[in-house]
Amino acid sequence: LRMLQVKLIVTGDDFGYCPRRNQGIVDCFLAGAVSNVSLLVNGSAAADAAKLAKRYNIPIGLHANLSEGSPVCEVLKTNSSLLNQDGFFHGKMGFRTALSKGLLNMSEVKQELKAQVELFHELTGHLPPHMDGHQHIHVLPEVRHIFAEVLEEYGITYTRVPVEPGLHNCDWIPPSLMDFYLGVEEDSFNTVDVFTRHGIRWPDIYIGLSTMGKNMSVSNIWSAIDTAIMEFLSKAPSPAQLTPQSRTVTIELMVHPGYPSVPPVGGCGEGPDDFSQSWERLHELQTLIKPELQSHYKTRNIQLCSFKDL
């Protein structure tokens, strides 16, 4: 394993959600605990987030959002299949229900995704080097095809495919949440061919479901990384056949650090959700900045980086 170089992208999701989330993510970046961020362009503090990324030179990509809050595309704000009766997106589960019932117009999905890429460009001055989906909407049936087309059209190379090694053995995850995660995993498996056909790439390994919120700890992050690397190597060709490039393993660790949102400030148009207001944000922040986590990276030949370093 010592021969192996690990490139680790620690992505702070939901950048732009609220000023306190932004501040927490920036603090993590400055502490060397987060190496990349994913921006919600419909977040209430998105413009502020883009300024912070520029000021501190934080690598930033797009967290495409079709499930929480309001669309950014003007045309879709009033009359669209993407909205519920209250005029907001359908929500994490509502979006999935509407999709399974065939109620979502895919041309509107495409319109909104493109509008979000354009707004990202406007806010940051560049296109996103990577683009993933808030609440994993980008791997859902039908949506995955549209998502891949948009990435290919804009030349966005990287995305996230949330299949986490060892997820099935995480007995601390409550059954209802595990059901959701296993759905995400199945959707992800079914997305691989689509993304591959469109020339889209993603890191070798994804981690983040088993280490979210209160479940995050230094040892938990470590065992998740170790489990994932061992599984990856067991599937890799024998060491004799490895090229220098394939001695590098790339991992994305998805995290959600921040100082908890205080309503009514925050959110994507309808105020901050429970997840964002909970102490779990702060718990992630405090765990990620622990010196023993940082020193562990060094001893294990793990280099923190962003998508543009791959």
Foldseek 3Di string as FASTA:
>chain_A
DLLFAEEEAEEAEAQQQFPQLLVLVLVCVVLVLHQEYAYALLKNRRLVSLVSCVVVVHQYAHAQELAFFAFPDPVQQPDALQQDPVSTGLHLVGNVVCVVVVSHDLVVLLVRRLSRQVSSCVSNVDGHLEYAYDSRPCLAPPNVLSSLVSCLVRVNAEYDQPDFFPLVVLPVDDPVLSVSSVVSNVSSVVNVVSNVVSNHDYFPHEAESCQAFPSNALVSVVVSVVRGVVVSVVPDPPPVPDDSVNSYGYYYYYYHAGAADDPPTGISHRRDDPSRRDCSNPVRSVRSSDVVSVVVCVVSNYHYHHSVVD
